[in-house]
Amino acid sequence: MFYDLFIELCRKKGVAPTRAAMEIGLNKSTPTTWKKKGLTPQGATLQKIADYFGVTTDCLLGTETEKDPAAPSEVSESDLKFALFGGEATDKQLDEVRRFARFIKERDAK
């Protein structure tokens, strides 16, 4: 049900449902209407809500899971070289960066 997803997204964002509705440009009673009538917003309203929470409309409709911005993603070696050195890095420099990253990760895990 849309209302349940909306409430969960509000909780994760740390905002009250009425406040979220108003910040999106909706009436503060709109979430209550969704709950009582079991309604799901459509079109532009659904997109505004998705934009506000940083999710897709499919996520709001329950057909896709919410994207986790903290989830690890695959980064190619060339992407890493570009991000760290503007594309100009030797394999030795890249290995050193990886060793340092492992060191930091192990240190912080303690």
PDB file of N, CA and C in Angstrom:
ATOM      1  N   MET A   1       0.845  -1.184   0.000  1.00  0.00           N
ATOM      2  CA  MET A   1       0.000   0.000   0.000  1.00  0.00           C
ATOM      3  C   MET A   1       0.892   1.251   0.000  1.00  0.00           C
ATOM      4  N   PHE A   2       0.547   2.203  -0.833  1.00  0.00           N
ATOM      5  CA  PHE A   2       1.367   3.398  -0.988  1.00  0.00           C
ATOM      6  C   PHE A   2       1.597   4.115   0.336  1.00  0.00           C
ATOM      7  N   TYR A   3       0.556   4.254   1.124  1.00  0.00           N
ATOM      8  CA  TYR A   3       0.664   4.997   2.377  1.00  0.00           C
ATOM      9  C   TYR A   3       1.776   4.427   3.261  1.00  0.00           C
ATOM     10  N   ASP A   4       1.857   3.111   3.358  1.00  0.00           N
ATOM     11  CA  ASP A   4       2.880   2.485   4.199  1.00  0.00           C
ATOM     12  C   ASP A   4       4.287   2.805   3.706  1.00  0.00           C
ATOM     13  N   LEU A   5       4.482   2.788   2.392  1.00  0.00           N
ATOM     14  CA  LEU A   5       5.787   3.150   1.830  1.00  0.00           C
ATOM     15  C   LEU A   5       6.113   4.616   2.116  1.00  0.00           C
ATOM     16  N   PHE A   6       5.118   5.472   1.984  1.00  0.00           N
ATOM     17  CA  PHE A   6       5.298   6.899   2.246  1.00  0.00           C
ATOM     18  C   PHE A   6       5.724   7.124   3.696  1.00  0.00           C
ATOM     19  N   ILE A   7       5.052   6.458   4.620  1.00  0.00           N
ATOM     20  CA  ILE A   7       5.369   6.611   6.039  1.00  0.00           C
ATOM     21  C   ILE A   7       6.788   6.121   6.327  1.00  0.00           C
ATOM     22  N   GLU A   8       7.173   5.010   5.735  1.00  0.00           N
ATOM     23  CA  GLU A   8       8.521   4.472   5.933  1.00  0.00           C
ATOM     24  C   GLU A   8       9.577   5.440   5.394  1.00  0.00           C
ATOM     25  N   LEU A   9       9.335   6.026   4.241  1.00  0.00           N
ATOM     26  CA  LEU A   9      10.280   6.995   3.681  1.00  0.00           C
ATOM     27  C   LEU A   9      10.365   8.242   4.557  1.00  0.00           C
ATOM     28  N   CYS A  10       9.245   8.670   5.101  1.00  0.00           N
ATOM     29  CA  CYS A  10       9.247   9.813   6.027  1.00  0.00           C
ATOM     30  C   CYS A  10      10.091   9.493   7.258  1.00  0.00           C
ATOM     31  N   ARG A  11       9.908   8.287   7.789  1.00  0.00           N
ATOM     32  CA  ARG A  11      10.656   7.871   8.974  1.00  0.00           C
ATOM     33  C   ARG A  11      12.159   7.882   8.685  1.00  0.00           C
ATOM     34  N   LYS A  12      12.546   7.342   7.540  1.00  0.00           N
ATOM     35  CA  LYS A  12      13.967   7.300   7.180  1.00  0.00           C
ATOM     36  C   LYS A  12      14.547   8.695   6.990  1.00  0.00           C
ATOM     37  N   LYS A  13      13.728   9.605   6.502  1.00  0.00           N
ATOM     38  CA  LYS A  13      14.191  10.980   6.269  1.00  0.00           C
ATOM     39  C   LYS A  13      14.106  11.819   7.542  1.00  0.00           C
ATOM     40  N   GLY A  14      13.392  11.294   8.555  1.00  0.00           N
ATOM     41  CA  GLY A  14      13.261  12.014   9.817  1.00  0.00           C
ATOM     42  C   GLY A  14      12.315  13.191   9.741  1.00  0.00           C
ATOM     43  N   VAL A  15      11.247  13.025   8.976  1.00  0.00           N
ATOM     44  CA  VAL A  15      10.286  14.109   8.794  1.00  0.00           C
ATOM     45  C   VAL A  15       8.872  13.561   8.996  1.00  0.00           C
ATOM     46  N   ALA A  16       8.021  14.367   9.590  1.00  0.00           N
ATOM     47  CA  ALA A  16       6.628  13.966   9.790  1.00  0.00           C
ATOM     48  C   ALA A  16       5.913  13.915   8.438  1.00  0.00           C
ATOM     49  N   PRO A  17       4.969  12.997   8.277  1.00  0.00           N
ATOM     50  CA  PRO A  17       4.238  12.889   7.008  1.00  0.00           C
ATOM     51  C   PRO A  17       3.558  14.194   6.584  1.00  0.00           C
ATOM     52  N   THR A  18       2.986  14.919   7.542  1.00  0.00           N
ATOM     53  CA  THR A  18       2.323  16.178   7.181  1.00  0.00           C
ATOM     54  C   THR A  18       3.338  17.208   6.691  1.00  0.00           C
ATOM     55  N   ARG A  19       4.493  17.231   7.335  1.00  0.00           N
ATOM     56  CA  ARG A  19       5.537  18.172   6.906  1.00  0.00           C
ATOM     57  C   ARG A  19       6.057  17.803   5.516  1.00  0.00           C
ATOM     58  N   ALA A  20       6.280  16.509   5.289  1.00  0.00           N
ATOM     59  CA  ALA A  20       6.741  16.064   3.971  1.00  0.00           C
ATOM     60  C   ALA A  20       5.741  16.478   2.905  1.00  0.00           C
ATOM     61  N   ALA A  21       4.462  16.254   3.176  1.00  0.00           N
ATOM     62  CA  ALA A  21       3.421  16.619   2.209  1.00  0.00           C
ATOM     63  C   ALA A  21       3.494  18.104   1.879  1.00  0.00           C
ATOM     64  N   MET A  22       3.611  18.937   2.905  1.00  0.00           N
ATOM     65  CA  MET A  22       3.654  20.383   2.676  1.00  0.00           C
ATOM     66  C   MET A  22       4.921  20.788   1.921  1.00  0.00           C
ATOM     67  N   GLU A  23       6.064  20.158   2.233  1.00  0.00           N
ATOM     68  CA  GLU A  23       7.306  20.488   1.533  1.00  0.00           C
ATOM     69  C   GLU A  23       7.261  20.048   0.070  1.00  0.00           C
ATOM     70  N   ILE A  24       6.466  19.023  -0.210  1.00  0.00           N
ATOM     71  CA  ILE A  24       6.300  18.555  -1.587  1.00  0.00           C
ATOM     72  C   ILE A  24       5.349  19.473  -2.353  1.00  0.00           C
ATOM     73  N   GLY A  25       4.525  20.225  -1.605  1.00  0.00           N
ATOM     74  CA  GLY A  25       3.558  21.121  -2.235  1.00  0.00           C
ATOM     75  C   GLY A  25       2.139  20.589  -2.184  1.00  0.00           C
ATOM     76  N   LEU A  26       1.900  19.641  -1.282  1.00  0.00           N
ATOM     77  CA  LEU A  26       0.570  19.060  -1.126  1.00  0.00           C
ATOM     78  C   LEU A  26      -0.079  19.589   0.146  1.00  0.00           C
ATOM     79  N   ASN A  27      -1.368  19.361   0.274  1.00  0.00           N
ATOM     80  CA  ASN A  27      -2.083  19.711   1.491  1.00  0.00           C
ATOM     81  C   ASN A  27      -1.601  18.808   2.614  1.00  0.00           C
ATOM     82  N   LYS A  28      -1.502  19.344   3.822  1.00  0.00           N
ATOM     83  CA  LYS A  28      -0.976  18.541   4.927  1.00  0.00           C
ATOM     84  C   LYS A  28      -1.862  17.350   5.277  1.00  0.00           C
ATOM     85  N   SER A  29      -3.117  17.369   4.861  1.00  0.00           N
ATOM     86  CA  SER A  29      -4.020  16.251   5.153  1.00  0.00           C
ATOM     87  C   SER A  29      -3.984  15.161   4.074  1.00  0.00           C
ATOM     88  N   THR A  30      -3.228  15.382   3.020  1.00  0.00           N
ATOM     89  CA  THR A  30      -3.180  14.415   1.918  1.00  0.00           C
ATOM     90  C   THR A  30      -2.754  13.015   2.364  1.00  0.00           C
ATOM     91  N   PRO A  31      -1.706  12.872   3.191  1.00  0.00           N
ATOM     92  CA  PRO A  31      -1.347  11.516   3.628  1.00  0.00           C
ATOM     93  C   PRO A  31      -2.487  10.795   4.355  1.00  0.00           C
ATOM     94  N   THR A  32      -3.262  11.525   5.128  1.00  0.00           N
ATOM     95  CA  THR A  32      -4.401  10.914   5.819  1.00  0.00           C
ATOM     96  C   THR A  32      -5.428  10.418   4.814  1.00  0.00           C
ATOM     97  N   THR A  33      -5.631  11.166   3.750  1.00  0.00           N
ATOM     98  CA  THR A  33      -6.556  10.741   2.693  1.00  0.00           C
ATOM     99  C   THR A  33      -6.049   9.463   2.030  1.00  0.00           C
ATOM    100  N   TRP A  34      -4.749   9.394   1.763  1.00  0.00           N
ATOM    101  CA  TRP A  34      -4.185   8.173   1.181  1.00  0.00           C
ATOM    102  C   TRP A  34      -4.454   6.977   2.082  1.00  0.00           C
ATOM    103  N   LYS A  35      -4.283   7.201   3.392  1.00  0.00           N
ATOM    104  CA  LYS A  35      -4.474   6.111   4.351  1.00  0.00           C
ATOM    105  C   LYS A  35      -5.939   5.676   4.411  1.00  0.00           C
ATOM    106  N   LYS A  36      -6.832   6.637   4.592  1.00  0.00           N
ATOM    107  CA  LYS A  36      -8.254   6.318   4.783  1.00  0.00           C
ATOM    108  C   LYS A  36      -8.898   5.720   3.539  1.00  0.00           C
ATOM    109  N   LYS A  37      -8.518   6.229   2.372  1.00  0.00           N
ATOM    110  CA  LYS A  37      -9.162   5.786   1.133  1.00  0.00           C
ATOM    111  C   LYS A  37      -8.326   4.775   0.353  1.00  0.00           C
ATOM    112  N   GLY A  38      -7.111   4.499   0.833  1.00  0.00           N
ATOM    113  CA  GLY A  38      -6.247   3.550   0.136  1.00  0.00           C
ATOM    114  C   GLY A  38      -5.817   4.030  -1.236  1.00  0.00           C
ATOM    115  N   LEU A  39      -5.678   5.334  -1.387  1.00  0.00           N
ATOM    116  CA  LEU A  39      -5.333   5.918  -2.684  1.00  0.00           C
ATOM    117  C   LEU A  39      -3.825   5.934  -2.919  1.00  0.00           C
ATOM    118  N   THR A  40      -3.467   5.956  -4.176  1.00  0.00           N
ATOM    119  CA  THR A  40      -2.080   6.108  -4.607  1.00  0.00           C
ATOM    120  C   THR A  40      -2.023   7.296  -5.553  1.00  0.00           C
ATOM    121  N   PRO A  41      -1.142   8.269  -5.278  1.00  0.00           N
ATOM    122  CA  PRO A  41      -1.033   9.411  -6.183  1.00  0.00           C
ATOM    123  C   PRO A  41      -0.551   8.975  -7.564  1.00  0.00           C
ATOM    124  N   GLN A  42      -0.848   9.782  -8.540  1.00  0.00           N
ATOM    125  CA  GLN A  42      -0.498   9.465  -9.925  1.00  0.00           C
ATOM    126  C   GLN A  42       0.308  10.603 -10.546  1.00  0.00           C
ATOM    127  N   GLY A  43       0.885  10.334 -11.683  1.00  0.00           N
ATOM    128  CA  GLY A  43       1.515  11.343 -12.538  1.00  0.00           C
ATOM    129  C   GLY A  43       2.504  12.258 -11.861  1.00  0.00           C
ATOM    130  N   ALA A  44       2.271  13.559 -12.032  1.00  0.00           N
ATOM    131  CA  ALA A  44       3.198  14.579 -11.553  1.00  0.00           C
ATOM    132  C   ALA A  44       3.343  14.552 -10.036  1.00  0.00           C
ATOM    133  N   THR A  45       2.255  14.258  -9.333  1.00  0.00           N
ATOM    134  CA  THR A  45       2.323  14.203  -7.869  1.00  0.00           C
ATOM    135  C   THR A  45       3.232  13.066  -7.425  1.00  0.00           C
ATOM    136  N   LEU A  46       3.077  11.917  -8.049  1.00  0.00           N
ATOM    137  CA  LEU A  46       3.922  10.772  -7.717  1.00  0.00           C
ATOM    138  C   LEU A  46       5.391  11.103  -7.984  1.00  0.00           C
ATOM    139  N   GLN A  47       5.666  11.794  -9.084  1.00  0.00           N
ATOM    140  CA  GLN A  47       7.040  12.168  -9.418  1.00  0.00           C
ATOM    141  C   GLN A  47       7.603  13.158  -8.404  1.00  0.00           C
ATOM    142  N   LYS A  48       6.800  14.122  -7.957  1.00  0.00           N
ATOM    143  CA  LYS A  48       7.258  15.083  -6.944  1.00  0.00           C
ATOM    144  C   LYS A  48       7.644  14.364  -5.656  1.00  0.00           C
ATOM    145  N   ILE A  49       6.839  13.376  -5.274  1.00  0.00           N
ATOM    146  CA  ILE A  49       7.125  12.609  -4.058  1.00  0.00           C
ATOM    147  C   ILE A  49       8.417  11.816  -4.236  1.00  0.00           C
ATOM    148  N   ALA A  50       8.567  11.187  -5.389  1.00  0.00           N
ATOM    149  CA  ALA A  50       9.787  10.421  -5.675  1.00  0.00           C
ATOM    150  C   ALA A  50      11.015  11.325  -5.623  1.00  0.00           C
ATOM    151  N   ASP A  51      10.925  12.495  -6.222  1.00  0.00           N
ATOM    152  CA  ASP A  51      12.040  13.442  -6.212  1.00  0.00           C
ATOM    153  C   ASP A  51      12.377  13.878  -4.788  1.00  0.00           C
ATOM    154  N   TYR A  52      11.369  14.128  -3.987  1.00  0.00           N
ATOM    155  CA  TYR A  52      11.555  14.573  -2.604  1.00  0.00           C
ATOM    156  C   TYR A  52      12.343  13.539  -1.797  1.00  0.00           C
ATOM    157  N   PHE A  53      12.002  12.267  -1.986  1.00  0.00           N
ATOM    158  CA  PHE A  53      12.660  11.212  -1.219  1.00  0.00           C
ATOM    159  C   PHE A  53      13.883  10.622  -1.918  1.00  0.00           C
ATOM    160  N   GLY A  54      14.128  11.017  -3.151  1.00  0.00           N
ATOM    161  CA  GLY A  54      15.274  10.491  -3.880  1.00  0.00           C
ATOM    162  C   GLY A  54      15.118   9.036  -4.277  1.00  0.00           C
ATOM    163  N   VAL A  55      13.903   8.650  -4.622  1.00  0.00           N
ATOM    164  CA  VAL A  55      13.617   7.283  -5.061  1.00  0.00           C
ATOM    165  C   VAL A  55      12.915   7.342  -6.411  1.00  0.00           C
ATOM    166  N   THR A  56      12.684   6.191  -7.002  1.00  0.00           N
ATOM    167  CA  THR A  56      11.963   6.142  -8.271  1.00  0.00           C
ATOM    168  C   THR A  56      10.466   6.045  -8.014  1.00  0.00           C
ATOM    169  N   THR A  57       9.691   6.357  -9.042  1.00  0.00           N
ATOM    170  CA  THR A  57       8.242   6.182  -8.913  1.00  0.00           C
ATOM    171  C   THR A  57       7.907   4.705  -8.769  1.00  0.00           C
ATOM    172  N   ASP A  58       8.692   3.838  -9.385  1.00  0.00           N
ATOM    173  CA  ASP A  58       8.475   2.394  -9.222  1.00  0.00           C
ATOM    174  C   ASP A  58       8.629   1.982  -7.763  1.00  0.00           C
ATOM    175  N   CYS A  59       9.575   2.586  -7.071  1.00  0.00           N
ATOM    176  CA  CYS A  59       9.751   2.306  -5.647  1.00  0.00           C
ATOM    177  C   CYS A  59       8.492   2.702  -4.885  1.00  0.00           C
ATOM    178  N   LEU A  60       7.950   3.866  -5.195  1.00  0.00           N
ATOM    179  CA  LEU A  60       6.740   4.333  -4.512  1.00  0.00           C
ATOM    180  C   LEU A  60       5.537   3.447  -4.807  1.00  0.00           C
ATOM    181  N   LEU A  61       5.529   2.862  -5.981  1.00  0.00           N
ATOM    182  CA  LEU A  61       4.415   1.989  -6.354  1.00  0.00           C
ATOM    183  C   LEU A  61       4.622   0.563  -5.848  1.00  0.00           C
ATOM    184  N   GLY A  62       5.791   0.314  -5.256  1.00  0.00           N
ATOM    185  CA  GLY A  62       6.063  -1.002  -4.698  1.00  0.00           C
ATOM    186  C   GLY A  62       6.547  -2.020  -5.705  1.00  0.00           C
ATOM    187  N   THR A  63       6.920  -1.564  -6.905  1.00  0.00           N
ATOM    188  CA  THR A  63       7.389  -2.498  -7.926  1.00  0.00           C
ATOM    189  C   THR A  63       8.908  -2.550  -8.016  1.00  0.00           C
ATOM    190  N   GLU A  64       9.584  -1.733  -7.234  1.00  0.00           N
ATOM    191  CA  GLU A  64      11.046  -1.707  -7.192  1.00  0.00           C
ATOM    192  C   GLU A  64      11.445  -1.364  -5.778  1.00  0.00           C
ATOM    193  N   THR A  65      12.556  -1.919  -5.314  1.00  0.00           N
ATOM    194  CA  THR A  65      13.020  -1.593  -3.979  1.00  0.00           C
ATOM    195  C   THR A  65      13.716  -0.247  -3.994  1.00  0.00           C
ATOM    196  N   GLU A  66      13.731   0.386  -2.860  1.00  0.00           N
ATOM    197  CA  GLU A  66      14.373   1.684  -2.705  1.00  0.00           C
ATOM    198  C   GLU A  66      15.864   1.553  -2.955  1.00  0.00           C
ATOM    199  N   LYS A  67      16.422   2.502  -3.652  1.00  0.00           N
ATOM    200  CA  LYS A  67      17.860   2.494  -3.895  1.00  0.00           C
ATOM    201  C   LYS A  67      18.561   3.006  -2.645  1.00  0.00           C
ATOM    202  N   ASP A  68      19.565   2.263  -2.239  1.00  0.00           N
ATOM    203  CA  ASP A  68      20.328   2.626  -1.056  1.00  0.00           C
ATOM    204  C   ASP A  68      21.592   3.351  -1.494  1.00  0.00           C
ATOM    205  N   PRO A  69      21.663   4.668  -1.247  1.00  0.00           N
ATOM    206  CA  PRO A  69      22.838   5.410  -1.689  1.00  0.00           C
ATOM    207  C   PRO A  69      24.123   4.951  -1.012  1.00  0.00           C
ATOM    208  N   ALA A  70      24.016   4.271   0.123  1.00  0.00           N
ATOM    209  CA  ALA A  70      25.205   3.805   0.820  1.00  0.00           C
ATOM    210  C   ALA A  70      25.637   2.420   0.359  1.00  0.00           C
ATOM    211  N   ALA A  71      24.854   1.806  -0.503  1.00  0.00           N
ATOM    212  CA  ALA A  71      25.191   0.460  -0.967  1.00  0.00           C
ATOM    213  C   ALA A  71      26.445   0.511  -1.836  1.00  0.00           C
ATOM    214  N   PRO A  72      27.318  -0.476  -1.662  1.00  0.00           N
ATOM    215  CA  PRO A  72      28.536  -0.478  -2.476  1.00  0.00           C
ATOM    216  C   PRO A  72      28.211  -0.692  -3.945  1.00  0.00           C
ATOM    217  N   SER A  73      28.962  -0.045  -4.790  1.00  0.00           N
ATOM    218  CA  SER A  73      28.756  -0.209  -6.223  1.00  0.00           C
ATOM    219  C   SER A  73      30.089  -0.602  -6.855  1.00  0.00           C
ATOM    220  N   GLU A  74      30.002  -1.170  -8.022  1.00  0.00           N
ATOM    221  CA  GLU A  74      31.210  -1.564  -8.733  1.00  0.00           C
ATOM    222  C   GLU A  74      31.862  -0.321  -9.338  1.00  0.00           C
ATOM    223  N   VAL A  75      33.140  -0.170  -9.084  1.00  0.00           N
ATOM    224  CA  VAL A  75      33.898   0.947  -9.632  1.00  0.00           C
ATOM    225  C   VAL A  75      35.042   0.361 -10.447  1.00  0.00           C
ATOM    226  N   SER A  76      35.121   0.768 -11.683  1.00  0.00           N
ATOM    227  CA  SER A  76      36.188   0.247 -12.537  1.00  0.00           C
ATOM    228  C   SER A  76      37.523   0.876 -12.146  1.00  0.00           C
ATOM    229  N   GLU A  77      38.585   0.226 -12.547  1.00  0.00           N
ATOM    230  CA  GLU A  77      39.918   0.736 -12.254  1.00  0.00           C
ATOM    231  C   GLU A  77      40.134   2.102 -12.904  1.00  0.00           C
ATOM    232  N   SER A  78      39.629   2.267 -14.117  1.00  0.00           N
ATOM    233  CA  SER A  78      39.801   3.562 -14.793  1.00  0.00           C
ATOM    234  C   SER A  78      38.992   4.655 -14.094  1.00  0.00           C
ATOM    235  N   ASP A  79      37.795   4.305 -13.562  1.00  0.00           N
ATOM    236  CA  ASP A  79      37.011   5.283 -12.800  1.00  0.00           C
ATOM    237  C   ASP A  79      37.763   5.711 -11.546  1.00  0.00           C
ATOM    238  N   LEU A  80      38.356   4.739 -10.873  1.00  0.00           N
ATOM    239  CA  LEU A  80      39.109   5.028  -9.658  1.00  0.00           C
ATOM    240  C   LEU A  80      40.323   5.905  -9.960  1.00  0.00           C
ATOM    241  N   LYS A  81      41.043   5.581 -11.005  1.00  0.00           N
ATOM    242  CA  LYS A  81      42.203   6.392 -11.392  1.00  0.00           C
ATOM    243  C   LYS A  81      41.781   7.823 -11.706  1.00  0.00           C
ATOM    244  N   PHE A  82      40.678   7.965 -12.418  1.00  0.00           N
ATOM    245  CA  PHE A  82      40.211   9.304 -12.770  1.00  0.00           C
ATOM    246  C   PHE A  82      39.782  10.076 -11.526  1.00  0.00           C
ATOM    247  N   ALA A  83      39.055   9.405 -10.626  1.00  0.00           N
ATOM    248  CA  ALA A  83      38.563  10.075  -9.421  1.00  0.00           C
ATOM    249  C   ALA A  83      39.703  10.534  -8.522  1.00  0.00           C
ATOM    250  N   LEU A  84      40.725   9.726  -8.418  1.00  0.00           N
ATOM    251  CA  LEU A  84      41.821  10.047  -7.507  1.00  0.00           C
ATOM    252  C   LEU A  84      42.925  10.894  -8.124  1.00  0.00           C
ATOM    253  N   PHE A  85      43.189  10.671  -9.389  1.00  0.00           N
ATOM    254  CA  PHE A  85      44.351  11.310  -9.998  1.00  0.00           C
ATOM    255  C   PHE A  85      44.041  12.007 -11.317  1.00  0.00           C
ATOM    256  N   GLY A  86      42.786  12.201 -11.639  1.00  0.00           N
ATOM    257  CA  GLY A  86      42.433  12.813 -12.911  1.00  0.00           C
ATOM    258  C   GLY A  86      42.783  11.934 -14.092  1.00  0.00           C
ATOM    259  N   GLY A  87      42.875  10.633 -13.864  1.00  0.00           N
ATOM    260  CA  GLY A  87      43.178   9.685 -14.935  1.00  0.00           C
ATOM    261  C   GLY A  87      44.649   9.357 -15.062  1.00  0.00           C
ATOM    262  N   GLU A  88      45.502  10.131 -14.417  1.00  0.00           N
ATOM    263  CA  GLU A  88      46.950   9.946 -14.520  1.00  0.00           C
ATOM    264  C   GLU A  88      47.470   9.248 -13.272  1.00  0.00           C
ATOM    265  N   ALA A  89      47.424   7.916 -13.250  1.00  0.00           N
ATOM    266  CA  ALA A  89      47.937   7.172 -12.098  1.00  0.00           C
ATOM    267  C   ALA A  89      48.601   5.893 -12.578  1.00  0.00           C
ATOM    268  N   THR A  90      49.661   5.543 -11.887  1.00  0.00           N
ATOM    269  CA  THR A  90      50.335   4.286 -12.207  1.00  0.00           C
ATOM    270  C   THR A  90      49.669   3.154 -11.424  1.00  0.00           C
ATOM    271  N   ASP A  91      49.944   1.934 -11.844  1.00  0.00           N
ATOM    272  CA  ASP A  91      49.416   0.782 -11.115  1.00  0.00           C
ATOM    273  C   ASP A  91      49.948   0.763  -9.688  1.00  0.00           C
ATOM    274  N   LYS A  92      51.189   1.199  -9.522  1.00  0.00           N
ATOM    275  CA  LYS A  92      51.800   1.240  -8.190  1.00  0.00           C
ATOM    276  C   LYS A  92      51.039   2.217  -7.286  1.00  0.00           C
ATOM    277  N   GLN A  93      50.697   3.397  -7.797  1.00  0.00           N
ATOM    278  CA  GLN A  93      49.940   4.371  -7.011  1.00  0.00           C
ATOM    279  C   GLN A  93      48.566   3.818  -6.631  1.00  0.00           C
ATOM    280  N   LEU A  94      47.927   3.163  -7.567  1.00  0.00           N
ATOM    281  CA  LEU A  94      46.607   2.596  -7.323  1.00  0.00           C
ATOM    282  C   LEU A  94      46.670   1.494  -6.265  1.00  0.00           C
ATOM    283  N   ASP A  95      47.688   0.659  -6.317  1.00  0.00           N
ATOM    284  CA  ASP A  95      47.865  -0.388  -5.300  1.00  0.00           C
ATOM    285  C   ASP A  95      48.076   0.224  -3.918  1.00  0.00           C
ATOM    286  N   GLU A  96      48.839   1.308  -3.864  1.00  0.00           N
ATOM    287  CA  GLU A  96      49.083   1.976  -2.590  1.00  0.00           C
ATOM    288  C   GLU A  96      47.786   2.548  -2.015  1.00  0.00           C
ATOM    289  N   VAL A  97      46.962   3.122  -2.858  1.00  0.00           N
ATOM    290  CA  VAL A  97      45.666   3.648  -2.418  1.00  0.00           C
ATOM    291  C   VAL A  97      44.803   2.514  -1.865  1.00  0.00           C
ATOM    292  N   ARG A  98      44.791   1.383  -2.547  1.00  0.00           N
ATOM    293  CA  ARG A  98      43.997   0.232  -2.079  1.00  0.00           C
ATOM    294  C   ARG A  98      44.497  -0.277  -0.728  1.00  0.00           C
ATOM    295  N   ARG A  99      45.818  -0.356  -0.566  1.00  0.00           N
ATOM    296  CA  ARG A  99      46.377  -0.812   0.714  1.00  0.00           C
ATOM    297  C   ARG A  99      45.997   0.149   1.834  1.00  0.00           C
ATOM    298  N   PHE A 100      46.063   1.430   1.556  1.00  0.00           N
ATOM    299  CA  PHE A 100      45.705   2.420   2.566  1.00  0.00           C
ATOM    300  C   PHE A 100      44.221   2.324   2.917  1.00  0.00           C
ATOM    301  N   ALA A 101      43.380   2.126   1.922  1.00  0.00           N
ATOM    302  CA  ALA A 101      41.941   1.990   2.167  1.00  0.00           C
ATOM    303  C   ALA A 101      41.654   0.768   3.042  1.00  0.00           C
ATOM    304  N   ARG A 102      42.331  -0.347   2.778  1.00  0.00           N
ATOM    305  CA  ARG A 102      42.167  -1.550   3.616  1.00  0.00           C
ATOM    306  C   ARG A 102      42.618  -1.269   5.048  1.00  0.00           C
ATOM    307  N   PHE A 103      43.732  -0.555   5.194  1.00  0.00           N
ATOM    308  CA  PHE A 103      44.243  -0.204   6.515  1.00  0.00           C
ATOM    309  C   PHE A 103      43.208   0.609   7.296  1.00  0.00           C
ATOM    310  N   ILE A 104      42.647   1.619   6.659  1.00  0.00           N
ATOM    311  CA  ILE A 104      41.643   2.467   7.307  1.00  0.00           C
ATOM    312  C   ILE A 104      40.415   1.640   7.691  1.00  0.00           C
ATOM    313  N   LYS A 105      39.972   0.786   6.790  1.00  0.00           N
ATOM    314  CA  LYS A 105      38.798  -0.050   7.054  1.00  0.00           C
ATOM    315  C   LYS A 105      39.038  -0.963   8.256  1.00  0.00           C
ATOM    316  N   GLU A 106      40.207  -1.595   8.309  1.00  0.00           N
ATOM    317  CA  GLU A 106      40.538  -2.481   9.431  1.00  0.00           C
ATOM    318  C   GLU A 106      40.682  -1.692  10.727  1.00  0.00           C
ATOM    319  N   ARG A 107      41.307  -0.533  10.660  1.00  0.00           N
ATOM    320  CA  ARG A 107      41.479   0.301  11.849  1.00  0.00           C
ATOM    321  C   ARG A 107      40.133   0.727  12.413  1.00  0.00           C
ATOM    322  N   ASP A 108      39.223   1.144  11.552  1.00  0.00           N
ATOM    323  CA  ASP A 108      37.918   1.622  12.003  1.00  0.00           C
ATOM    324  C   ASP A 108      37.004   0.503  12.467  1.00  0.00           C
ATOM    325  N   ALA A 109      37.301  -0.719  12.071  1.00  0.00           N
ATOM    326  CA  ALA A 109      36.479  -1.858  12.486  1.00  0.00           C
ATOM    327  C   ALA A 109      36.777  -2.264  13.928  1.00  0.00           C
ATOM    328  N   LYS A 110      37.878  -1.784  14.460  1.00  0.00           N
ATOM    329  CA  LYS A 110      38.280  -2.160  15.835  1.00  0.00           C
ATOM    330  C   LYS A 110      37.562  -1.350  16.869  1.00  0.00           C
TER     331      LYS A 110
END
